[in-house]
Amino acid sequence: MIYLVILFSSLYTFASTEIALQMVPRGKIFEEQGRDLILKTPSGTKVRIEFKRDGAFEEAKGMNLNHGDEFEPGDGLISLGTAAKEITKKLGMKPQGHWRLSQDQKLDWIYELGDELINARNGELISSK
């Protein structure tokens, strides 16, 4: 029984690591904290990716939007760079700093880029403060 638990844990860690590395192009694992992985981008910034117990992607966040953070979630969701370009195009401002991608029960997948919310499936601006 203990071998099964160790095997499952090993497979889970491997699967999450592989998924995370695909989401941060040219990134490297910097740190593992339970089900969370922190990846270092090629420019040296860090992106945190959180996974559910079953290994499914749950959330990603960073502090360096437009200063080195890269994130490409796949599965029909737009990249962090595309979300930032949409805000620039629609509001005439270049978002910077903190960002987060998470699934909202009402709004589906959303990027929070500062005070702006962007639909992560189609790039539509949801709200702006």
C-alpha atoms as a PDB file:
ATOM      1  CA  MET A   1       0.000   0.000   0.000  1.00  0.00           C
ATOM      2  CA  ILE A   2       2.799   2.413   0.860  1.00  0.00           C
ATOM      3  CA  TYR A   3       4.400   1.751  -2.538  1.00  0.00           C
ATOM      4  CA  LEU A   4       1.180   2.755  -4.265  1.00  0.00           C
ATOM      5  CA  VAL A   5       1.125   6.066  -2.385  1.00  0.00           C
ATOM      6  CA  ILE A   6       4.764   6.766  -3.266  1.00  0.00           C
ATOM      7  CA  LEU A   7       4.154   5.862  -6.919  1.00  0.00           C
ATOM      8  CA  PHE A   8       1.071   8.098  -7.123  1.00  0.00           C
ATOM      9  CA  SER A   9       2.947  10.994  -5.488  1.00  0.00           C
ATOM     10  CA  SER A  10       5.817  10.588  -7.925  1.00  0.00           C
ATOM     11  CA  LEU A  11       3.532  10.483 -10.963  1.00  0.00           C
ATOM     12  CA  TYR A  12       1.574  13.508  -9.695  1.00  0.00           C
ATOM     13  CA  THR A  13       4.747  15.561  -9.176  1.00  0.00           C
ATOM     14  CA  PHE A  14       6.059  14.604 -12.617  1.00  0.00           C
ATOM     15  CA  ALA A  15       2.765  15.452 -14.354  1.00  0.00           C
ATOM     16  CA  SER A  16       2.429  18.820 -12.591  1.00  0.00           C
ATOM     17  CA  THR A  17       6.040  19.699 -13.352  1.00  0.00           C
ATOM     18  CA  GLU A  18       5.634  18.884 -17.037  1.00  0.00           C
ATOM     19  CA  ILE A  19       2.433  20.940 -17.275  1.00  0.00           C
ATOM     20  CA  ALA A  20       4.016  23.891 -15.455  1.00  0.00           C
ATOM     21  CA  LEU A  21       7.060  23.872 -17.732  1.00  0.00           C
ATOM     22  CA  GLN A  22       4.762  24.040 -20.771  1.00  0.00           C
ATOM     23  CA  MET A  23       2.931  27.039 -19.276  1.00  0.00           C
ATOM     24  CA  VAL A  24       6.079  29.112 -18.723  1.00  0.00           C
ATOM     25  CA  PRO A  25       8.054  29.044 -21.991  1.00  0.00           C
ATOM     26  CA  ARG A  26      11.756  28.366 -21.413  1.00  0.00           C
ATOM     27  CA  GLY A  27      11.111  28.476 -17.653  1.00  0.00           C
ATOM     28  CA  LYS A  28      12.875  26.408 -15.004  1.00  0.00           C
ATOM     29  CA  ILE A  29      11.570  24.986 -11.739  1.00  0.00           C
ATOM     30  CA  PHE A  30      12.770  27.290  -8.964  1.00  0.00           C
ATOM     31  CA  GLU A  31      10.908  25.841  -5.974  1.00  0.00           C
ATOM     32  CA  GLU A  32       8.221  23.304  -5.079  1.00  0.00           C
ATOM     33  CA  GLN A  33       5.841  24.062  -2.204  1.00  0.00           C
ATOM     34  CA  GLY A  34       3.387  21.202  -1.816  1.00  0.00           C
ATOM     35  CA  ARG A  35       1.149  21.332  -4.903  1.00  0.00           C
ATOM     36  CA  ASP A  36       2.509  24.755  -5.893  1.00  0.00           C
ATOM     37  CA  LEU A  37       5.416  25.230  -8.256  1.00  0.00           C
ATOM     38  CA  ILE A  38       7.421  28.413  -8.634  1.00  0.00           C
ATOM     39  CA  LEU A  39       9.092  28.771 -12.009  1.00  0.00           C
ATOM     40  CA  LYS A  40      11.819  31.195 -12.975  1.00  0.00           C
ATOM     41  CA  THR A  41      11.310  32.853 -16.361  1.00  0.00           C
ATOM     42  CA  PRO A  42      14.206  33.458 -18.768  1.00  0.00           C
ATOM     43  CA  SER A  43      14.304  37.085 -17.603  1.00  0.00           C
ATOM     44  CA  GLY A  44      14.653  35.992 -13.958  1.00  0.00           C
ATOM     45  CA  THR A  45      11.128  36.771 -12.713  1.00  0.00           C
ATOM     46  CA  LYS A  46       9.039  34.164 -10.884  1.00  0.00           C
ATOM     47  CA  VAL A  47       5.613  32.742 -11.699  1.00  0.00           C
ATOM     48  CA  ARG A  48       3.684  30.652  -9.145  1.00  0.00           C
ATOM     49  CA  ILE A  49       1.430  27.898 -10.490  1.00  0.00           C
ATOM     50  CA  GLU A  50      -1.006  26.079  -8.223  1.00  0.00           C
ATOM     51  CA  PHE A  51      -2.519  22.672  -8.898  1.00  0.00           C
ATOM     52  CA  LYS A  52      -5.506  20.864  -7.386  1.00  0.00           C
ATOM     53  CA  ARG A  53      -5.104  17.526  -5.631  1.00  0.00           C
ATOM     54  CA  ASP A  54      -5.977  15.681  -8.830  1.00  0.00           C
ATOM     55  CA  GLY A  55      -3.174  17.485 -10.681  1.00  0.00           C
ATOM     56  CA  ALA A  56      -5.440  19.863 -12.619  1.00  0.00           C
ATOM     57  CA  PHE A  57      -4.347  23.474 -13.055  1.00  0.00           C
ATOM     58  CA  GLU A  58      -5.971  25.771 -10.475  1.00  0.00           C
ATOM     59  CA  GLU A  59      -4.322  29.216 -10.526  1.00  0.00           C
ATOM     60  CA  ALA A  60      -1.269  31.161 -11.626  1.00  0.00           C
ATOM     61  CA  LYS A  61       0.102  34.489 -10.476  1.00  0.00           C
ATOM     62  CA  GLY A  62       3.085  36.756 -10.646  1.00  0.00           C
ATOM     63  CA  MET A  63       4.362  40.195  -9.785  1.00  0.00           C
ATOM     64  CA  ASN A  64       6.119  41.276 -12.989  1.00  0.00           C
ATOM     65  CA  LEU A  65       3.548  41.814 -15.718  1.00  0.00           C
ATOM     66  CA  ASN A  66       5.275  43.470 -18.692  1.00  0.00           C
ATOM     67  CA  HIS A  67       8.590  43.146 -16.862  1.00  0.00           C
ATOM     68  CA  GLY A  68       9.497  39.546 -17.638  1.00  0.00           C
ATOM     69  CA  ASP A  69       6.616  37.294 -16.538  1.00  0.00           C
ATOM     70  CA  GLU A  70       5.507  34.892 -19.257  1.00  0.00           C
ATOM     71  CA  PHE A  71       2.524  32.576 -18.997  1.00  0.00           C
ATOM     72  CA  GLU A  72       0.728  30.479 -21.612  1.00  0.00           C
ATOM     73  CA  PRO A  73      -1.983  28.340 -20.001  1.00  0.00           C
ATOM     74  CA  GLY A  74      -3.143  26.511 -23.132  1.00  0.00           C
ATOM     75  CA  ASP A  75      -6.497  24.683 -23.147  1.00  0.00           C
ATOM     76  CA  GLY A  76      -8.196  27.469 -25.099  1.00  0.00           C
ATOM     77  CA  LEU A  77      -7.084  30.271 -22.766  1.00  0.00           C
ATOM     78  CA  ILE A  78      -5.188  33.317 -24.018  1.00  0.00           C
ATOM     79  CA  SER A  79      -1.643  34.027 -22.896  1.00  0.00           C
ATOM     80  CA  LEU A  80      -0.713  36.619 -20.295  1.00  0.00           C
ATOM     81  CA  GLY A  81       0.891  38.731 -23.024  1.00  0.00           C
ATOM     82  CA  THR A  82      -2.279  38.687 -25.115  1.00  0.00           C
ATOM     83  CA  ALA A  83      -4.390  39.715 -22.095  1.00  0.00           C
ATOM     84  CA  ALA A  84      -2.030  42.639 -21.417  1.00  0.00           C
ATOM     85  CA  LYS A  85      -2.206  43.730 -25.080  1.00  0.00           C
ATOM     86  CA  GLU A  86      -6.018  43.687 -24.926  1.00  0.00           C
ATOM     87  CA  ILE A  87      -5.982  46.108 -21.980  1.00  0.00           C
ATOM     88  CA  THR A  88      -3.507  48.354 -23.769  1.00  0.00           C
ATOM     89  CA  LYS A  89      -5.678  48.329 -26.893  1.00  0.00           C
ATOM     90  CA  LYS A  90      -8.993  48.904 -25.079  1.00  0.00           C
ATOM     91  CA  LEU A  91      -7.938  51.291 -22.311  1.00  0.00           C
ATOM     92  CA  GLY A  92      -4.858  52.931 -23.772  1.00  0.00           C
ATOM     93  CA  MET A  93      -2.729  51.930 -20.791  1.00  0.00           C
ATOM     94  CA  LYS A  94      -0.004  49.330 -20.354  1.00  0.00           C
ATOM     95  CA  PRO A  95      -0.737  47.184 -17.276  1.00  0.00           C
ATOM     96  CA  GLN A  96       2.203  46.383 -15.029  1.00  0.00           C
ATOM     97  CA  GLY A  97       2.971  44.558 -11.807  1.00  0.00           C
ATOM     98  CA  HIS A  98       0.715  41.982 -10.144  1.00  0.00           C
ATOM     99  CA  TRP A  99      -1.416  39.581 -12.175  1.00  0.00           C
ATOM    100  CA  ARG A 100      -3.446  36.442 -11.523  1.00  0.00           C
ATOM    101  CA  LEU A 101      -5.274  33.828 -13.607  1.00  0.00           C
ATOM    102  CA  SER A 102      -8.009  31.903 -11.815  1.00  0.00           C
ATOM    103  CA  GLN A 103     -11.380  30.327 -12.444  1.00  0.00           C
ATOM    104  CA  ASP A 104     -14.375  32.295 -11.198  1.00  0.00           C
ATOM    105  CA  GLN A 105     -17.650  30.446 -10.626  1.00  0.00           C
ATOM    106  CA  LYS A 106     -19.661  33.065 -12.515  1.00  0.00           C
ATOM    107  CA  LEU A 107     -17.152  34.489 -14.990  1.00  0.00           C
ATOM    108  CA  ASP A 108     -15.202  31.353 -16.030  1.00  0.00           C
ATOM    109  CA  TRP A 109     -11.417  31.832 -16.379  1.00  0.00           C
ATOM    110  CA  ILE A 110     -10.291  35.405 -15.758  1.00  0.00           C
ATOM    111  CA  TYR A 111      -7.077  37.360 -15.667  1.00  0.00           C
ATOM    112  CA  GLU A 112      -6.798  39.992 -12.969  1.00  0.00           C
ATOM    113  CA  LEU A 113      -4.312  42.556 -14.225  1.00  0.00           C
ATOM    114  CA  GLY A 114      -4.172  45.254 -11.576  1.00  0.00           C
ATOM    115  CA  ASP A 115      -7.742  46.582 -11.324  1.00  0.00           C
ATOM    116  CA  GLU A 116      -8.837  45.131 -14.671  1.00  0.00           C
ATOM    117  CA  LEU A 117     -10.570  41.807 -15.276  1.00  0.00           C
ATOM    118  CA  ILE A 118     -10.147  40.107 -18.651  1.00  0.00           C
ATOM    119  CA  ASN A 119     -11.974  37.002 -19.880  1.00  0.00           C
ATOM    120  CA  ALA A 120      -9.163  34.479 -20.392  1.00  0.00           C
ATOM    121  CA  ARG A 121     -11.015  32.668 -23.177  1.00  0.00           C
ATOM    122  CA  ASN A 122     -11.747  35.571 -25.533  1.00  0.00           C
ATOM    123  CA  GLY A 123      -9.813  38.590 -24.250  1.00  0.00           C
ATOM    124  CA  GLU A 124     -12.925  40.650 -23.568  1.00  0.00           C
ATOM    125  CA  LEU A 125     -12.660  43.316 -20.881  1.00  0.00           C
ATOM    126  CA  ILE A 126     -14.991  42.347 -18.016  1.00  0.00           C
ATOM    127  CA  SER A 127     -14.447  45.295 -15.712  1.00  0.00           C
ATOM    128  CA  SER A 128     -12.135  48.189 -15.078  1.00  0.00           C
ATOM    129  CA  LYS A 129     -11.880  50.436 -12.027  1.00  0.00           C
END
